Amino acid sequence: MNNTQFNQTTDLISPEKSKSLEKDLTELRERTMSKVGQVDANYIRRMVRIDRWSGIVGRISMVLGFIHPLFWVLGVALLALSKILNNMEVGHNVMHGQYDFMNDPHINSRTFDWDNAGDSDSWRHYHNYEHHTYTNIIGKDRDFGYGLLRLSNDLPWRLKNTFQFGVYMLLSILFEWGVAYHELAGDRVFSKKKNSRKKRLSAEDLKRAFFSKAGRQIFKDYVFFPLIAGPMFLPVLLGNLLANIIRNLWTSTIIFCGHFTEDVHTFTQEQCENETKGQWYHRQMLGSSNIEGKRWFHILTGHLSCQIEHHLFPDVPAHRYVDMSKEVQEIAKKHGIPYNTGGFAKQYATVLKRVIKYSFPQKPDNTNGMTAAN
C-alpha cells in the first residue's frame, strides 16, 4: 500500500468473490455468538459496578479536597474513569444491543441512558442505523468528518478548511456536545431543512430530546453536585468540568483513530448500490482501523480499539473482539484485504496528518492508495 497518499474512493470486491468473504466472517460471528452467555453477563455487570463505584468514590473524594488537594486530584481521576467506562465499555456497547440477551431492565439497548450530553434515543436511531449501515459512503455517512472536517479529496476544499486543525482540537475538548448536536442532525433540523428520516424521529422530537438531555446533564454536573458540596462548590464544579474534558479528549481520540487514520478508505454511493453482504463486510474492513494495546487499554476504549471487528460485528459483546481479531486478520490475509492496525502513537499520528493535510487544497490523488481486490 502506498502510505504517502490518502486514498479517495475504493472499489469493492466483486459479488462472486464476496460470497467467500461473507461465508468466512459469518461463520466466525456464529461461532462467537454460540459462546455468548453467563460469562458475558458477568463481565458487563462487573464493568457497570466499576463505573458506578468509581463515580461515587470520585465525587466523595473531590469534596474531601479540603483535607488535602490530592483527594481532589484522585476524585477527578476516578470520575473521569467512571465517565469513560460509562460511555465506552458500558453505554456504547449496551446501546448496540450486545447484552440484550440478558433481559436485564438496566442493561438494555432500549432503555440505557449514558452519562453525557447526547440523547440516547437519538444516538441509537442515527448512529446504529446511519453510520453502521453506510460506513464511509460519502454523502450518506455523516460521521465521516462529522460535517466539520474535510478528510479526503472526495470533498471540495473551502477556505474554512484552513482552520480545521483548530476546529478538530475544539471538537475533541467538547466532544460530547459535538456528538449530541451531530446526532440531532442539527444541520437539517435547526436550519429547517427536510429531515430525511422524519418518520423515525421528527424535528420537534429531536430538538426536545436534545435540550432535555443537555439540560439534565448541565444541572447534574454543574449545579446539583457542586451545590451539595457546600463550601467546596467551586472545586467540585471545576473537577466535574475537568473530568468531562478528560473523557471527551479520550473518547474523541479513540474514535478518530478508529475511523480517520491514513489508510482508511472511502466510497461513493454508486459503488455501494445493491452491494452484497460480503461487499458490506469488505467496506467495513477497508473503512476502519484498529489500535494495538494491553487488555486494560482495550477496556478503556470500549474495545473500539478493535474498530474493524466492531464495524463487522456491532452486536457481538465487544470484550470478545480482541480474540476475534486474530481470525479476522487471517481472513483478511486469505482474501487479500488490508488489515489496518498499529500502536496508539502511530495511528494517532496519521489522524493528525490527515486532518492537517486536508486543511489545504491538493491535486486529486492519482491512485486509490491500494489495488482494488476484484
Protein backbone atom coordinates (compact mmCIF):
# COMPACT_ATOMS: atom_id res chain seq x y z
CA MET A 1 0.00 0.00 0.00
CA ASN A 2 1.23 3.50 -0.81
CA ASN A 3 1.30 5.30 2.53
CA THR A 4 2.39 8.60 1.01
CA GLN A 5 -1.12 9.37 -0.21
CA PHE A 6 -4.57 9.30 1.30
CA ASN A 7 -7.00 7.45 -0.89
CA GLN A 8 -10.30 8.77 -2.06
CA THR A 9 -12.83 6.17 -3.13
CA THR A 10 -12.09 2.47 -3.38
CA ASP A 11 -13.72 -0.32 -5.37
CA LEU A 12 -15.31 -3.25 -3.56
CA ILE A 13 -14.62 -6.88 -4.41
CA SER A 14 -16.87 -8.50 -6.99
CA PRO A 15 -20.17 -10.09 -5.87
CA GLU A 16 -18.76 -13.51 -6.76
CA LYS A 17 -15.65 -13.18 -4.61
CA SER A 18 -17.64 -11.54 -1.82
CA LYS A 19 -19.51 -14.81 -1.19
CA SER A 20 -16.41 -16.48 0.21
CA LEU A 21 -15.65 -13.48 2.45
CA GLU A 22 -19.24 -13.43 3.67
CA LYS A 23 -19.10 -17.14 4.47
CA ASP A 24 -15.86 -16.85 6.48
CA LEU A 25 -16.97 -13.83 8.53
CA THR A 26 -20.50 -15.14 9.09
CA GLU A 27 -19.11 -18.42 10.40
CA LEU A 28 -16.80 -16.52 12.76
CA ARG A 29 -19.72 -14.49 14.07
CA GLU A 30 -21.87 -17.59 14.57
CA ARG A 31 -19.08 -19.44 16.40
CA THR A 32 -18.57 -16.47 18.70
CA MET A 33 -22.26 -15.90 19.37
CA SER A 34 -22.69 -19.58 20.27
CA LYS A 35 -20.36 -18.94 23.23
CA VAL A 36 -22.16 -15.81 24.46
CA GLY A 37 -23.85 -16.28 27.82
CA GLN A 38 -23.17 -16.03 31.53
CA VAL A 39 -19.50 -15.08 31.10
CA ASP A 40 -20.54 -12.03 29.09
CA ALA A 41 -23.30 -11.11 31.57
CA ASN A 42 -20.84 -11.32 34.45
CA TYR A 43 -18.35 -9.20 32.54
CA ILE A 44 -20.66 -6.31 31.76
CA ARG A 45 -22.12 -6.30 35.28
CA ARG A 46 -18.57 -6.06 36.63
CA MET A 47 -17.90 -3.10 34.32
CA VAL A 48 -21.11 -1.41 35.48
CA ARG A 49 -20.06 -1.85 39.12
CA ILE A 50 -16.61 -0.38 38.46
CA ASP A 51 -18.22 2.51 36.58
CA ARG A 52 -20.65 3.29 39.40
CA TRP A 53 -18.24 2.92 42.30
CA SER A 54 -15.57 4.95 40.54
CA GLY A 55 -18.10 7.73 40.13
CA ILE A 56 -19.31 7.57 43.74
CA VAL A 57 -15.82 7.45 45.27
CA GLY A 58 -14.62 10.10 42.84
CA ARG A 59 -17.33 12.58 43.78
CA ILE A 60 -16.78 11.98 47.51
CA SER A 61 -13.00 12.37 47.11
CA MET A 62 -13.42 15.73 45.38
CA VAL A 63 -15.41 17.03 48.34
CA LEU A 64 -12.63 15.81 50.66
CA GLY A 65 -10.23 18.01 48.77
CA PHE A 66 -10.36 20.47 51.66
CA ILE A 67 -8.33 17.94 53.69
CA HIS A 68 -5.61 17.64 51.06
CA PRO A 69 -5.51 18.59 47.34
CA LEU A 70 -4.56 15.02 46.43
CA PHE A 71 -8.08 13.91 47.38
CA TRP A 72 -9.42 16.32 44.76
CA VAL A 73 -6.96 15.04 42.14
CA LEU A 74 -7.92 11.45 42.92
CA GLY A 75 -11.59 12.39 42.72
CA VAL A 76 -11.21 13.96 39.28
CA ALA A 77 -9.29 10.90 38.01
CA LEU A 78 -11.89 8.46 39.33
CA LEU A 79 -14.82 10.48 37.99
CA ALA A 80 -13.12 10.69 34.57
CA LEU A 81 -12.57 6.91 34.68
CA SER A 82 -16.24 6.40 35.52
CA LYS A 83 -17.37 8.59 32.64
CA ILE A 84 -15.01 6.86 30.20
CA LEU A 85 -16.22 3.40 31.20
CA ASN A 86 -19.85 4.54 31.20
CA ASN A 87 -19.61 5.96 27.70
CA MET A 88 -17.26 3.46 26.05
CA GLU A 89 -17.29 -0.03 27.53
CA VAL A 90 -20.79 0.13 29.00
CA GLY A 91 -23.01 2.67 27.23
CA HIS A 92 -21.83 2.37 23.64
CA ASN A 93 -21.84 -1.42 23.70
CA VAL A 94 -25.08 -1.83 25.62
CA MET A 95 -26.89 0.53 23.24
CA HIS A 96 -25.72 -1.60 20.32
CA GLY A 97 -27.77 -4.44 21.79
CA GLN A 98 -24.75 -6.55 22.68
CA TYR A 99 -26.23 -7.52 26.05
CA ASP A 100 -29.95 -7.64 25.27
CA PHE A 101 -29.80 -11.43 25.62
CA MET A 102 -29.61 -10.88 29.40
CA ASN A 103 -33.14 -9.40 29.57
CA ASP A 104 -31.82 -7.09 32.28
CA PRO A 105 -34.01 -3.97 32.62
CA HIS A 106 -30.97 -1.83 33.48
CA ILE A 107 -28.52 -3.21 30.89
CA ASN A 108 -30.71 -2.93 27.85
CA SER A 109 -30.28 -1.22 24.47
CA ARG A 110 -33.79 0.24 24.52
CA THR A 111 -33.63 1.93 27.91
CA PHE A 112 -29.98 2.63 28.76
CA ASP A 113 -29.07 6.30 29.21
CA TRP A 114 -25.42 7.27 29.37
CA ASP A 115 -23.59 9.97 31.31
CA ASN A 116 -23.05 12.61 28.62
CA ALA A 117 -24.92 15.39 26.87
CA GLY A 118 -26.13 13.26 23.96
CA ASP A 119 -29.66 11.92 23.97
CA SER A 120 -29.52 8.12 23.94
CA ASP A 121 -32.58 7.59 21.74
CA SER A 122 -31.31 9.99 19.08
CA TRP A 123 -27.91 8.28 19.13
CA ARG A 124 -29.47 4.83 18.77
CA HIS A 125 -31.51 5.91 15.76
CA TYR A 126 -28.80 7.76 13.88
CA HIS A 127 -25.52 6.10 14.87
CA ASN A 128 -26.68 2.48 14.94
CA TYR A 129 -28.54 2.80 11.66
CA GLU A 130 -26.89 5.53 9.62
CA HIS A 131 -23.20 5.14 10.44
CA HIS A 132 -23.12 1.35 10.69
CA THR A 133 -25.13 0.88 7.50
CA TYR A 134 -23.38 3.48 5.33
CA THR A 135 -19.86 3.45 6.82
CA ASN A 136 -17.58 5.85 4.88
CA ILE A 137 -20.00 6.31 1.98
CA ILE A 138 -19.53 9.96 1.08
CA GLY A 139 -22.85 11.78 1.24
CA LYS A 140 -24.56 9.12 3.34
CA ASP A 141 -22.31 8.61 6.38
CA ARG A 142 -22.40 11.92 8.28
CA ASP A 143 -19.82 10.56 10.72
CA PHE A 144 -17.08 10.94 8.11
CA GLY A 145 -15.70 14.24 9.34
CA TYR A 146 -18.82 15.00 11.39
CA GLY A 147 -19.79 17.71 8.91
CA LEU A 148 -16.93 19.85 10.23
CA LEU A 149 -13.74 18.36 8.84
CA ARG A 150 -12.54 17.69 5.30
CA LEU A 151 -10.63 14.40 5.50
CA SER A 152 -10.25 13.37 1.86
CA ASN A 153 -10.33 14.76 -1.67
CA ASP A 154 -13.85 13.42 -2.00
CA LEU A 155 -14.99 16.78 -0.63
CA PRO A 156 -14.10 20.11 -2.30
CA TRP A 157 -11.71 22.36 -0.41
CA ARG A 158 -13.16 25.51 1.13
CA LEU A 159 -11.44 28.42 2.82
CA LYS A 160 -12.86 27.39 6.21
CA ASN A 161 -10.91 24.11 5.96
CA THR A 162 -7.70 26.08 6.51
CA PHE A 163 -8.64 26.34 10.18
CA GLN A 164 -9.85 22.78 10.67
CA PHE A 165 -6.99 21.68 12.93
CA GLY A 166 -8.23 24.23 15.48
CA VAL A 167 -11.78 23.03 14.87
CA TYR A 168 -10.63 19.46 15.46
CA MET A 169 -9.00 20.35 18.79
CA LEU A 170 -12.11 22.24 19.91
CA LEU A 171 -14.31 19.32 18.84
CA SER A 172 -12.13 16.97 20.89
CA ILE A 173 -12.46 19.09 24.02
CA LEU A 174 -16.24 19.44 23.58
CA PHE A 175 -16.77 16.04 22.00
CA GLU A 176 -19.90 15.05 23.94
CA TRP A 177 -21.57 18.26 22.77
CA GLY A 178 -20.37 17.79 19.21
CA VAL A 179 -21.82 14.29 19.11
CA ALA A 180 -25.05 15.40 20.77
CA TYR A 181 -25.61 18.12 18.18
CA HIS A 182 -24.41 15.88 15.36
CA GLU A 183 -26.82 13.09 16.26
CA LEU A 184 -29.56 15.67 16.37
CA ALA A 185 -28.81 16.24 12.68
CA GLY A 186 -28.61 19.92 13.54
CA ASP A 187 -27.74 20.98 10.01
CA ARG A 188 -31.12 19.70 8.86
CA VAL A 189 -33.24 20.37 11.92
CA PHE A 190 -32.26 23.82 13.20
CA SER A 191 -31.98 25.19 9.66
CA LYS A 192 -35.48 23.83 8.93
CA LYS A 193 -34.24 21.65 6.09
CA LYS A 194 -36.00 18.42 5.28
CA ASN A 195 -35.19 15.62 7.69
CA SER A 196 -34.68 12.54 5.56
CA ARG A 197 -35.59 10.24 8.46
CA LYS A 198 -38.58 12.17 9.73
CA LYS A 199 -40.68 9.05 10.09
CA ARG A 200 -38.26 7.76 12.70
CA LEU A 201 -37.76 10.96 14.72
CA SER A 202 -39.41 14.27 13.86
CA ALA A 203 -37.54 17.55 14.02
CA GLU A 204 -39.53 18.57 17.09
CA ASP A 205 -38.82 15.26 18.82
CA LEU A 206 -35.12 15.65 18.11
CA LYS A 207 -34.96 19.19 19.46
CA ARG A 208 -36.99 18.28 22.53
CA ALA A 209 -34.74 15.32 23.27
CA PHE A 210 -31.57 17.37 22.71
CA PHE A 211 -32.50 20.21 25.05
CA SER A 212 -34.00 17.90 27.65
CA LYS A 213 -30.90 15.71 27.95
CA ALA A 214 -28.50 18.64 27.69
CA GLY A 215 -30.39 20.46 30.46
CA ARG A 216 -30.32 17.43 32.75
CA GLN A 217 -26.60 16.92 32.15
CA ILE A 218 -25.73 20.55 32.85
CA PHE A 219 -27.85 20.54 36.02
CA LYS A 220 -26.28 17.33 37.33
CA ASP A 221 -22.61 18.18 36.71
CA TYR A 222 -22.58 21.95 37.13
CA VAL A 223 -25.41 22.71 39.56
CA PHE A 224 -26.59 19.78 41.69
CA PHE A 225 -23.31 18.11 42.71
CA PRO A 226 -21.44 21.42 43.23
CA LEU A 227 -24.33 22.77 45.35
CA ILE A 228 -24.49 19.76 47.68
CA ALA A 229 -20.73 20.10 48.16
CA GLY A 230 -21.40 23.33 50.07
CA PRO A 231 -18.17 25.31 50.59
CA MET A 232 -16.46 23.04 48.05
CA PHE A 233 -18.80 24.31 45.31
CA LEU A 234 -16.11 25.76 43.08
CA PRO A 235 -13.59 22.88 43.39
CA VAL A 236 -16.33 20.34 42.65
CA LEU A 237 -17.61 22.43 39.73
CA LEU A 238 -14.09 22.62 38.33
CA GLY A 239 -13.49 18.92 38.98
CA ASN A 240 -16.66 17.92 37.11
CA LEU A 241 -15.67 20.13 34.19
CA LEU A 242 -12.16 18.66 34.10
CA ALA A 243 -13.46 15.06 34.30
CA ASN A 244 -15.76 15.75 31.35
CA ILE A 245 -12.90 17.25 29.32
CA ILE A 246 -10.65 14.25 30.06
CA ARG A 247 -13.43 11.90 28.97
CA ASN A 248 -14.09 13.97 25.83
CA LEU A 249 -10.43 14.05 24.79
CA TRP A 250 -10.04 10.33 25.33
CA THR A 251 -13.21 9.26 23.52
CA SER A 252 -12.66 11.59 20.57
CA THR A 253 -9.06 10.43 20.15
CA ILE A 254 -10.01 6.75 20.20
CA ILE A 255 -12.91 7.25 17.80
CA PHE A 256 -10.79 9.25 15.35
CA CYS A 257 -8.09 6.56 15.49
CA GLY A 258 -10.71 4.00 14.52
CA HIS A 259 -12.16 5.99 11.62
CA PHE A 260 -9.70 8.53 10.18
CA THR A 261 -6.21 7.06 10.04
CA GLU A 262 -4.03 7.25 6.94
CA ASP A 263 -5.17 4.01 5.32
CA VAL A 264 -8.94 4.32 5.84
CA HIS A 265 -10.87 4.18 2.58
CA THR A 266 -13.98 5.99 1.37
CA PHE A 267 -16.69 5.00 -1.08
CA THR A 268 -19.16 6.61 -3.47
CA GLN A 269 -22.88 5.96 -3.33
CA GLU A 270 -22.75 4.49 -6.83
CA GLN A 271 -20.13 1.93 -5.78
CA CYS A 272 -22.34 0.64 -2.99
CA GLU A 273 -25.62 0.30 -4.85
CA ASN A 274 -27.02 -3.23 -4.49
CA GLU A 275 -23.95 -4.34 -2.54
CA THR A 276 -23.91 -7.89 -1.21
CA LYS A 277 -23.37 -8.77 2.43
CA GLY A 278 -19.82 -9.78 1.55
CA GLN A 279 -19.20 -6.40 -0.08
CA TRP A 280 -20.64 -4.72 3.02
CA TYR A 281 -18.11 -6.70 5.08
CA HIS A 282 -15.35 -5.61 2.70
CA ARG A 283 -16.34 -1.95 3.06
CA GLN A 284 -16.31 -2.19 6.86
CA MET A 285 -12.80 -3.66 6.82
CA LEU A 286 -11.41 -1.01 4.47
CA GLY A 287 -13.15 1.81 6.32
CA SER A 288 -11.86 1.04 9.81
CA SER A 289 -8.63 0.98 11.84
CA ASN A 290 -7.50 -0.89 14.94
CA ILE A 291 -5.21 0.17 17.78
CA GLU A 292 -2.96 -2.36 19.47
CA GLY A 293 -2.55 -2.41 23.25
CA LYS A 294 -2.89 -4.24 26.56
CA ARG A 295 -6.20 -5.60 27.85
CA TRP A 296 -6.75 -2.59 30.14
CA PHE A 297 -6.27 -0.31 27.14
CA HIS A 298 -8.92 -2.18 25.15
CA ILE A 299 -11.34 -1.90 28.09
CA LEU A 300 -10.83 1.86 28.38
CA THR A 301 -11.52 2.23 24.66
CA GLY A 302 -14.74 0.27 24.98
CA HIS A 303 -12.94 -2.18 22.68
CA LEU A 304 -13.25 0.40 19.91
CA SER A 305 -9.53 -0.23 19.63
CA CYS A 306 -10.90 -3.17 17.62
CA GLN A 307 -12.89 -0.88 15.36
CA ILE A 308 -12.65 -3.29 12.41
CA GLU A 309 -14.32 -6.04 14.41
CA HIS A 310 -16.89 -3.62 15.82
CA HIS A 311 -17.91 -2.46 12.34
CA LEU A 312 -18.13 -6.08 11.20
CA PHE A 313 -19.99 -7.37 14.27
CA PRO A 314 -21.64 -4.43 16.11
CA ASP A 315 -23.98 -6.68 18.13
CA VAL A 316 -21.32 -9.11 19.39
CA PRO A 317 -20.21 -8.41 23.01
CA ALA A 318 -17.22 -6.14 22.49
CA HIS A 319 -14.89 -7.78 25.00
CA ARG A 320 -14.70 -10.70 22.56
CA TYR A 321 -13.28 -8.53 19.76
CA VAL A 322 -9.64 -8.98 20.80
CA ASP A 323 -9.86 -12.75 20.35
CA MET A 324 -11.91 -12.39 17.15
CA SER A 325 -9.33 -10.01 15.68
CA LYS A 326 -6.83 -12.83 15.26
CA GLU A 327 -9.21 -14.72 13.00
CA VAL A 328 -10.32 -11.57 11.19
CA GLN A 329 -6.68 -10.86 10.32
CA GLU A 330 -6.32 -14.36 8.90
CA ILE A 331 -9.50 -13.94 6.87
CA ALA A 332 -8.29 -10.58 5.58
CA LYS A 333 -4.96 -12.14 4.56
CA LYS A 334 -6.75 -15.00 2.82
CA HIS A 335 -8.81 -12.60 0.72
CA GLY A 336 -6.01 -10.10 0.08
CA ILE A 337 -7.70 -7.34 2.10
CA PRO A 338 -5.57 -4.80 4.03
CA TYR A 339 -5.95 -5.03 7.82
CA ASN A 340 -5.18 -1.60 9.23
CA THR A 341 -3.71 -1.91 12.73
CA GLY A 342 -0.91 -0.31 14.72
CA GLY A 343 0.13 1.18 18.03
CA PHE A 344 -1.66 4.17 19.50
CA ALA A 345 1.08 6.69 18.72
CA LYS A 346 1.37 5.53 15.11
CA GLN A 347 -2.37 5.58 14.45
CA TYR A 348 -2.96 8.93 16.12
CA ALA A 349 -0.06 10.50 14.23
CA THR A 350 -1.72 9.57 10.94
CA VAL A 351 -5.02 11.04 12.16
CA LEU A 352 -3.32 14.37 12.82
CA LYS A 353 -1.53 14.11 9.49
CA ARG A 354 -4.84 13.58 7.72
CA VAL A 355 -6.54 16.49 9.47
CA ILE A 356 -3.65 18.82 8.61
CA LYS A 357 -3.18 17.61 5.03
CA TYR A 358 -6.78 18.18 4.02
CA SER A 359 -6.80 21.61 5.58
CA PHE A 360 -5.29 22.70 2.29
CA PRO A 361 -6.24 22.10 -1.35
CA GLN A 362 -4.41 19.33 -3.21
CA LYS A 363 -4.35 17.93 -6.66
CA PRO A 364 -6.53 14.83 -6.93
CA ASP A 365 -4.67 11.64 -6.00
CA ASN A 366 -3.66 9.51 -8.95
CA THR A 367 -4.24 6.31 -7.01
CA ASN A 368 -6.77 4.94 -4.59
CA GLY A 369 -3.90 4.01 -2.25
CA MET A 370 -4.35 0.27 -2.92
CA THR A 371 -5.10 -2.19 -5.64
CA ALA A 372 -8.81 -2.98 -5.61
CA ALA A 373 -9.47 -6.61 -4.78
CA ASN A 374 -11.86 -7.55 -7.58
